[in-house]
Amino acid sequence: MIYKALQVVTGQLNGYLKLSFKLREDIAFLSPIKDEDKVYPTNRVSITLVGLERETSGGISFQRTAISDTAVKKTAPAWQMNVNILISVIFQDKQYEESLQILSAILSFIQKNNMITSQDQSVSFAMDPVNLSIQELANLWGICGDSYFPSMMCRLRVLTVDEGEILDLSAIMKTRELSTGNKNNDQ
């Protein structure tokens, strides 16, 4: 679910950037800021998972669903998750102005497409920017690497995690069943 959501963002962002800048190739990739050799790949937009949060504002409840006239199933509660991502425009130093143009286009994409749905409609979520203080931004870039690149953090809101595993099957009693016992009053 997380991977698919990030793929959807990456694909739709690539389509938007290709149209906006008349590009022939994708420039947005789902990737860490640095590659395996601790090098910043240049001339690309990096979409990096920063963290997950469980959304609890809607409450948590176990789901009971009738599966027939005589039985119900109980499943674990679905989790509502928020996914935080960092979108970084990694261009060479001499292309700083171009990186700001790309970042502006990314901001426009997010504003225009605040609700994102996959083509098969299996994944749907809201996407919005997250405000970070200078200290939080410095800490984040300290974790990601030593250099700062034009970037923004976004939150993919309310992805549902629900494996649908049945925890319990129960019978439904439609009429009150009374047990009658024989009482012997032999004394």
C-alpha atoms as a PDB file:
ATOM      1  CA  MET A   1       0.000   0.000   0.000  1.00  0.00           C
ATOM      2  CA  ILE A   2       2.808   2.460   0.856  1.00  0.00           C
ATOM      3  CA  TYR A   3       4.874   1.428  -2.154  1.00  0.00           C
ATOM      4  CA  LYS A   4       1.876   1.682  -4.483  1.00  0.00           C
ATOM      5  CA  ALA A   5       0.943   5.139  -3.159  1.00  0.00           C
ATOM      6  CA  LEU A   6       4.505   6.391  -3.676  1.00  0.00           C
ATOM      7  CA  GLN A   7       4.557   4.887  -7.186  1.00  0.00           C
ATOM      8  CA  VAL A   8       1.322   6.730  -7.998  1.00  0.00           C
ATOM      9  CA  VAL A   9       2.769  10.054  -6.786  1.00  0.00           C
ATOM     10  CA  THR A  10       5.997   9.478  -8.724  1.00  0.00           C
ATOM     11  CA  GLY A  11       4.192   8.523 -11.941  1.00  0.00           C
ATOM     12  CA  GLN A  12       1.732  11.397 -11.867  1.00  0.00           C
ATOM     13  CA  LEU A  13       4.456  13.904 -10.936  1.00  0.00           C
ATOM     14  CA  ASN A  14       6.621  12.673 -13.829  1.00  0.00           C
ATOM     15  CA  GLY A  15       3.719  13.127 -16.234  1.00  0.00           C
ATOM     16  CA  TYR A  16       3.144  16.671 -14.988  1.00  0.00           C
ATOM     17  CA  LEU A  17       6.838  17.634 -15.160  1.00  0.00           C
ATOM     18  CA  LYS A  18       7.208  16.152 -18.656  1.00  0.00           C
ATOM     19  CA  LEU A  19       4.301  18.275 -19.906  1.00  0.00           C
ATOM     20  CA  SER A  20       5.422  21.403 -18.055  1.00  0.00           C
ATOM     21  CA  PHE A  21       9.065  21.307 -19.188  1.00  0.00           C
ATOM     22  CA  LYS A  22       8.740  19.305 -22.443  1.00  0.00           C
ATOM     23  CA  LEU A  23      10.934  16.515 -21.042  1.00  0.00           C
ATOM     24  CA  ARG A  24      11.410  13.178 -22.812  1.00  0.00           C
ATOM     25  CA  GLU A  25      12.529  11.169 -19.796  1.00  0.00           C
ATOM     26  CA  ASP A  26      11.346  10.769 -16.227  1.00  0.00           C
ATOM     27  CA  ILE A  27      13.171  12.898 -13.684  1.00  0.00           C
ATOM     28  CA  ALA A  28      11.215  11.977 -10.546  1.00  0.00           C
ATOM     29  CA  PHE A  29      12.272   8.744  -8.848  1.00  0.00           C
ATOM     30  CA  LEU A  30      11.356   6.923  -5.682  1.00  0.00           C
ATOM     31  CA  SER A  31      14.783   6.852  -4.080  1.00  0.00           C
ATOM     32  CA  PRO A  32      16.901   7.824  -1.102  1.00  0.00           C
ATOM     33  CA  ILE A  33      18.585  11.215  -1.265  1.00  0.00           C
ATOM     34  CA  LYS A  34      21.994   9.587  -1.773  1.00  0.00           C
ATOM     35  CA  ASP A  35      22.683   6.425  -3.752  1.00  0.00           C
ATOM     36  CA  GLU A  36      24.563   3.339  -2.504  1.00  0.00           C
ATOM     37  CA  ASP A  37      27.930   5.035  -3.114  1.00  0.00           C
ATOM     38  CA  LYS A  38      26.900   7.994  -0.900  1.00  0.00           C
ATOM     39  CA  VAL A  39      26.689  10.198  -3.974  1.00  0.00           C
ATOM     40  CA  TYR A  40      23.862  12.574  -4.812  1.00  0.00           C
ATOM     41  CA  PRO A  41      22.476  11.556  -8.221  1.00  0.00           C
ATOM     42  CA  THR A  42      22.064  14.835 -10.106  1.00  0.00           C
ATOM     43  CA  ASN A  43      19.342  16.290 -12.300  1.00  0.00           C
ATOM     44  CA  ARG A  44      16.497  14.431 -10.696  1.00  0.00           C
ATOM     45  CA  VAL A  45      13.633  14.756  -8.269  1.00  0.00           C
ATOM     46  CA  SER A  46      13.957  12.339  -5.382  1.00  0.00           C
ATOM     47  CA  ILE A  47      10.857  11.146  -3.530  1.00  0.00           C
ATOM     48  CA  THR A  48      11.920   9.689  -0.193  1.00  0.00           C
ATOM     49  CA  LEU A  49       9.876   8.092   2.577  1.00  0.00           C
ATOM     50  CA  VAL A  50      10.471  10.043   5.795  1.00  0.00           C
ATOM     51  CA  GLY A  51       8.041   8.387   8.187  1.00  0.00           C
ATOM     52  CA  LEU A  52       4.609   6.988   8.974  1.00  0.00           C
ATOM     53  CA  GLU A  53       1.954   8.184  11.407  1.00  0.00           C
ATOM     54  CA  ARG A  54      -1.194   6.442  12.510  1.00  0.00           C
ATOM     55  CA  GLU A  55      -4.268   8.642  12.141  1.00  0.00           C
ATOM     56  CA  THR A  56      -6.494   8.157  15.177  1.00  0.00           C
ATOM     57  CA  SER A  57      -8.878  11.088  14.814  1.00  0.00           C
ATOM     58  CA  GLY A  58     -11.568   8.835  13.336  1.00  0.00           C
ATOM     59  CA  GLY A  59     -11.488   6.462  16.292  1.00  0.00           C
ATOM     60  CA  ILE A  60     -10.642   2.795  16.389  1.00  0.00           C
ATOM     61  CA  SER A  61     -13.259   0.077  16.396  1.00  0.00           C
ATOM     62  CA  PHE A  62     -13.434  -3.594  15.588  1.00  0.00           C
ATOM     63  CA  GLN A  63     -15.585  -4.378  12.600  1.00  0.00           C
ATOM     64  CA  ARG A  64     -18.407  -6.917  12.840  1.00  0.00           C
ATOM     65  CA  THR A  65     -19.926  -7.930   9.518  1.00  0.00           C
ATOM     66  CA  ALA A  66     -22.724 -10.380   8.789  1.00  0.00           C
ATOM     67  CA  ILE A  67     -21.516 -13.112   6.461  1.00  0.00           C
ATOM     68  CA  SER A  68     -24.781 -15.063   6.411  1.00  0.00           C
ATOM     69  CA  ASP A  69     -28.134 -15.170   8.179  1.00  0.00           C
ATOM     70  CA  THR A  70     -26.592 -17.160  10.992  1.00  0.00           C
ATOM     71  CA  ALA A  71     -23.020 -15.875  11.378  1.00  0.00           C
ATOM     72  CA  VAL A  72     -20.953 -12.710  11.795  1.00  0.00           C
ATOM     73  CA  LYS A  73     -17.233 -12.174  11.451  1.00  0.00           C
ATOM     74  CA  LYS A  74     -15.047  -9.871  13.490  1.00  0.00           C
ATOM     75  CA  THR A  75     -11.923  -8.360  11.942  1.00  0.00           C
ATOM     76  CA  ALA A  76      -9.121  -6.255  13.339  1.00  0.00           C
ATOM     77  CA  PRO A  77      -9.715  -2.526  12.979  1.00  0.00           C
ATOM     78  CA  ALA A  78      -8.390  -0.984   9.790  1.00  0.00           C
ATOM     79  CA  TRP A  79      -5.549   1.451  10.336  1.00  0.00           C
ATOM     80  CA  GLN A  80      -5.638   4.896   8.823  1.00  0.00           C
ATOM     81  CA  MET A  81      -2.057   5.942   8.043  1.00  0.00           C
ATOM     82  CA  ASN A  82      -0.383   9.161   7.005  1.00  0.00           C
ATOM     83  CA  VAL A  83       2.830   8.840   5.013  1.00  0.00           C
ATOM     84  CA  ASN A  84       5.403  11.645   5.159  1.00  0.00           C
ATOM     85  CA  ILE A  85       7.614  12.066   2.115  1.00  0.00           C
ATOM     86  CA  LEU A  86      10.431  14.432   1.209  1.00  0.00           C
ATOM     87  CA  ILE A  87      10.466  15.697  -2.370  1.00  0.00           C
ATOM     88  CA  SER A  88      13.961  16.975  -3.188  1.00  0.00           C
ATOM     89  CA  VAL A  89      15.131  18.621  -6.390  1.00  0.00           C
ATOM     90  CA  ILE A  90      18.752  17.500  -6.764  1.00  0.00           C
ATOM     91  CA  PHE A  91      20.490  19.488  -9.483  1.00  0.00           C
ATOM     92  CA  GLN A  92      24.108  20.560  -9.815  1.00  0.00           C
ATOM     93  CA  ASP A  93      25.153  23.808  -8.140  1.00  0.00           C
ATOM     94  CA  LYS A  94      25.215  25.668 -11.447  1.00  0.00           C
ATOM     95  CA  GLN A  95      21.586  24.702 -12.078  1.00  0.00           C
ATOM     96  CA  TYR A  96      20.131  26.181  -8.889  1.00  0.00           C
ATOM     97  CA  GLU A  97      17.674  28.373 -10.776  1.00  0.00           C
ATOM     98  CA  GLU A  98      16.409  25.352 -12.744  1.00  0.00           C
ATOM     99  CA  SER A  99      15.919  23.422  -9.506  1.00  0.00           C
ATOM    100  CA  LEU A 100      13.776  26.262  -8.145  1.00  0.00           C
ATOM    101  CA  GLN A 101      11.674  26.208 -11.326  1.00  0.00           C
ATOM    102  CA  ILE A 102      11.146  22.453 -10.908  1.00  0.00           C
ATOM    103  CA  LEU A 103      10.239  22.924  -7.223  1.00  0.00           C
ATOM    104  CA  SER A 104       7.713  25.612  -8.205  1.00  0.00           C
ATOM    105  CA  ALA A 105       6.163  23.213 -10.714  1.00  0.00           C
ATOM    106  CA  ILE A 106       5.997  20.497  -8.024  1.00  0.00           C
ATOM    107  CA  LEU A 107       4.209  22.925  -5.725  1.00  0.00           C
ATOM    108  CA  SER A 108       1.716  23.681  -8.518  1.00  0.00           C
ATOM    109  CA  PHE A 109       1.200  19.944  -9.094  1.00  0.00           C
ATOM    110  CA  ILE A 110       0.394  19.378  -5.416  1.00  0.00           C
ATOM    111  CA  GLN A 111      -1.954  22.364  -5.259  1.00  0.00           C
ATOM    112  CA  LYS A 112      -3.823  21.239  -8.387  1.00  0.00           C
ATOM    113  CA  ASN A 113      -3.890  17.561  -7.427  1.00  0.00           C
ATOM    114  CA  ASN A 114      -4.516  17.569  -3.697  1.00  0.00           C
ATOM    115  CA  MET A 115      -6.533  14.329  -4.093  1.00  0.00           C
ATOM    116  CA  ILE A 116      -4.599  11.612  -5.871  1.00  0.00           C
ATOM    117  CA  THR A 117      -6.122   8.369  -7.129  1.00  0.00           C
ATOM    118  CA  SER A 118      -4.405   5.517  -8.940  1.00  0.00           C
ATOM    119  CA  GLN A 119      -5.654   4.646 -12.434  1.00  0.00           C
ATOM    120  CA  ASP A 120      -7.246   1.431 -11.155  1.00  0.00           C
ATOM    121  CA  GLN A 121      -8.714   3.435  -8.231  1.00  0.00           C
ATOM    122  CA  SER A 122      -7.305   0.979  -5.682  1.00  0.00           C
ATOM    123  CA  VAL A 123      -5.381   3.754  -3.903  1.00  0.00           C
ATOM    124  CA  SER A 124      -6.725   7.200  -3.109  1.00  0.00           C
ATOM    125  CA  PHE A 125      -5.382   9.823  -0.700  1.00  0.00           C
ATOM    126  CA  ALA A 126      -5.002  13.526  -0.058  1.00  0.00           C
ATOM    127  CA  MET A 127      -1.574  15.121  -0.466  1.00  0.00           C
ATOM    128  CA  ASP A 128      -0.563  18.351   1.198  1.00  0.00           C
ATOM    129  CA  PRO A 129       2.619  20.173   2.240  1.00  0.00           C
ATOM    130  CA  VAL A 130       3.913  19.908   5.792  1.00  0.00           C
ATOM    131  CA  ASN A 131       5.309  22.972   7.534  1.00  0.00           C
ATOM    132  CA  LEU A 132       8.764  22.429   9.012  1.00  0.00           C
ATOM    133  CA  SER A 133      10.646  24.873  11.174  1.00  0.00           C
ATOM    134  CA  ILE A 134      14.234  25.725  10.237  1.00  0.00           C
ATOM    135  CA  GLN A 135      15.428  23.443  13.068  1.00  0.00           C
ATOM    136  CA  GLU A 136      13.264  20.527  11.893  1.00  0.00           C
ATOM    137  CA  LEU A 137      14.461  21.054   8.328  1.00  0.00           C
ATOM    138  CA  ALA A 138      18.095  21.128   9.464  1.00  0.00           C
ATOM    139  CA  ASN A 139      17.580  17.929  11.462  1.00  0.00           C
ATOM    140  CA  LEU A 140      15.911  16.213   8.512  1.00  0.00           C
ATOM    141  CA  TRP A 141      18.699  17.156   6.121  1.00  0.00           C
ATOM    142  CA  GLY A 142      21.273  16.159   8.740  1.00  0.00           C
ATOM    143  CA  ILE A 143      19.776  12.660   8.655  1.00  0.00           C
ATOM    144  CA  CYS A 144      19.516  12.567   4.843  1.00  0.00           C
ATOM    145  CA  GLY A 145      22.966  13.953   4.104  1.00  0.00           C
ATOM    146  CA  ASP A 146      25.206  16.906   4.656  1.00  0.00           C
ATOM    147  CA  SER A 147      23.940  19.131   1.845  1.00  0.00           C
ATOM    148  CA  TYR A 148      20.628  20.882   1.479  1.00  0.00           C
ATOM    149  CA  PHE A 149      18.688  20.842  -1.790  1.00  0.00           C
ATOM    150  CA  PRO A 150      15.480  22.697  -2.612  1.00  0.00           C
ATOM    151  CA  SER A 151      12.783  20.477  -1.184  1.00  0.00           C
ATOM    152  CA  MET A 152       9.457  20.193   0.532  1.00  0.00           C
ATOM    153  CA  MET A 153       7.912  17.685   2.864  1.00  0.00           C
ATOM    154  CA  CYS A 154       4.443  16.378   2.063  1.00  0.00           C
ATOM    155  CA  ARG A 155       1.943  14.203   3.838  1.00  0.00           C
ATOM    156  CA  LEU A 156      -0.087  11.573   2.041  1.00  0.00           C
ATOM    157  CA  ARG A 157      -3.182  11.525   4.220  1.00  0.00           C
ATOM    158  CA  VAL A 158      -5.272   8.572   5.215  1.00  0.00           C
ATOM    159  CA  LEU A 159      -4.065   5.470   3.471  1.00  0.00           C
ATOM    160  CA  THR A 160      -6.009   2.496   4.779  1.00  0.00           C
ATOM    161  CA  VAL A 161      -4.257  -0.642   5.949  1.00  0.00           C
ATOM    162  CA  ASP A 162      -6.736  -3.490   6.256  1.00  0.00           C
ATOM    163  CA  GLU A 163      -5.729  -7.080   5.744  1.00  0.00           C
ATOM    164  CA  GLY A 164      -9.298  -8.236   6.374  1.00  0.00           C
ATOM    165  CA  GLU A 165      -8.160 -11.179   8.470  1.00  0.00           C
ATOM    166  CA  ILE A 166     -11.030 -12.783  10.347  1.00  0.00           C
ATOM    167  CA  LEU A 167     -10.401 -12.887  14.075  1.00  0.00           C
ATOM    168  CA  ASP A 168     -13.650 -14.478  15.179  1.00  0.00           C
ATOM    169  CA  LEU A 169     -16.741 -16.142  13.737  1.00  0.00           C
ATOM    170  CA  SER A 170     -19.877 -16.063  15.848  1.00  0.00           C
ATOM    171  CA  ALA A 171     -23.323 -17.515  15.433  1.00  0.00           C
ATOM    172  CA  ILE A 172     -26.322 -15.245  15.384  1.00  0.00           C
ATOM    173  CA  MET A 173     -29.213 -16.266  17.618  1.00  0.00           C
ATOM    174  CA  LYS A 174     -32.487 -15.031  16.197  1.00  0.00           C
ATOM    175  CA  THR A 175     -34.832 -16.253  18.908  1.00  0.00           C
ATOM    176  CA  ARG A 176     -34.295 -16.551  22.539  1.00  0.00           C
ATOM    177  CA  GLU A 177     -33.448 -20.094  23.382  1.00  0.00           C
ATOM    178  CA  LEU A 178     -34.566 -21.266  26.769  1.00  0.00           C
ATOM    179  CA  SER A 179     -33.178 -24.365  28.311  1.00  0.00           C
ATOM    180  CA  THR A 180     -35.698 -26.471  30.087  1.00  0.00           C
ATOM    181  CA  GLY A 181     -34.431 -28.807  32.685  1.00  0.00           C
ATOM    182  CA  ASN A 182     -36.240 -31.482  34.583  1.00  0.00           C
ATOM    183  CA  LYS A 183     -36.449 -30.607  38.186  1.00  0.00           C
ATOM    184  CA  ASN A 184     -37.209 -33.482  40.435  1.00  0.00           C
ATOM    185  CA  ASN A 185     -38.958 -32.495  43.552  1.00  0.00           C
ATOM    186  CA  ASP A 186     -38.486 -35.850  45.243  1.00  0.00           C
ATOM    187  CA  GLN A 187     -38.132 -35.406  48.901  1.00  0.00           C
END
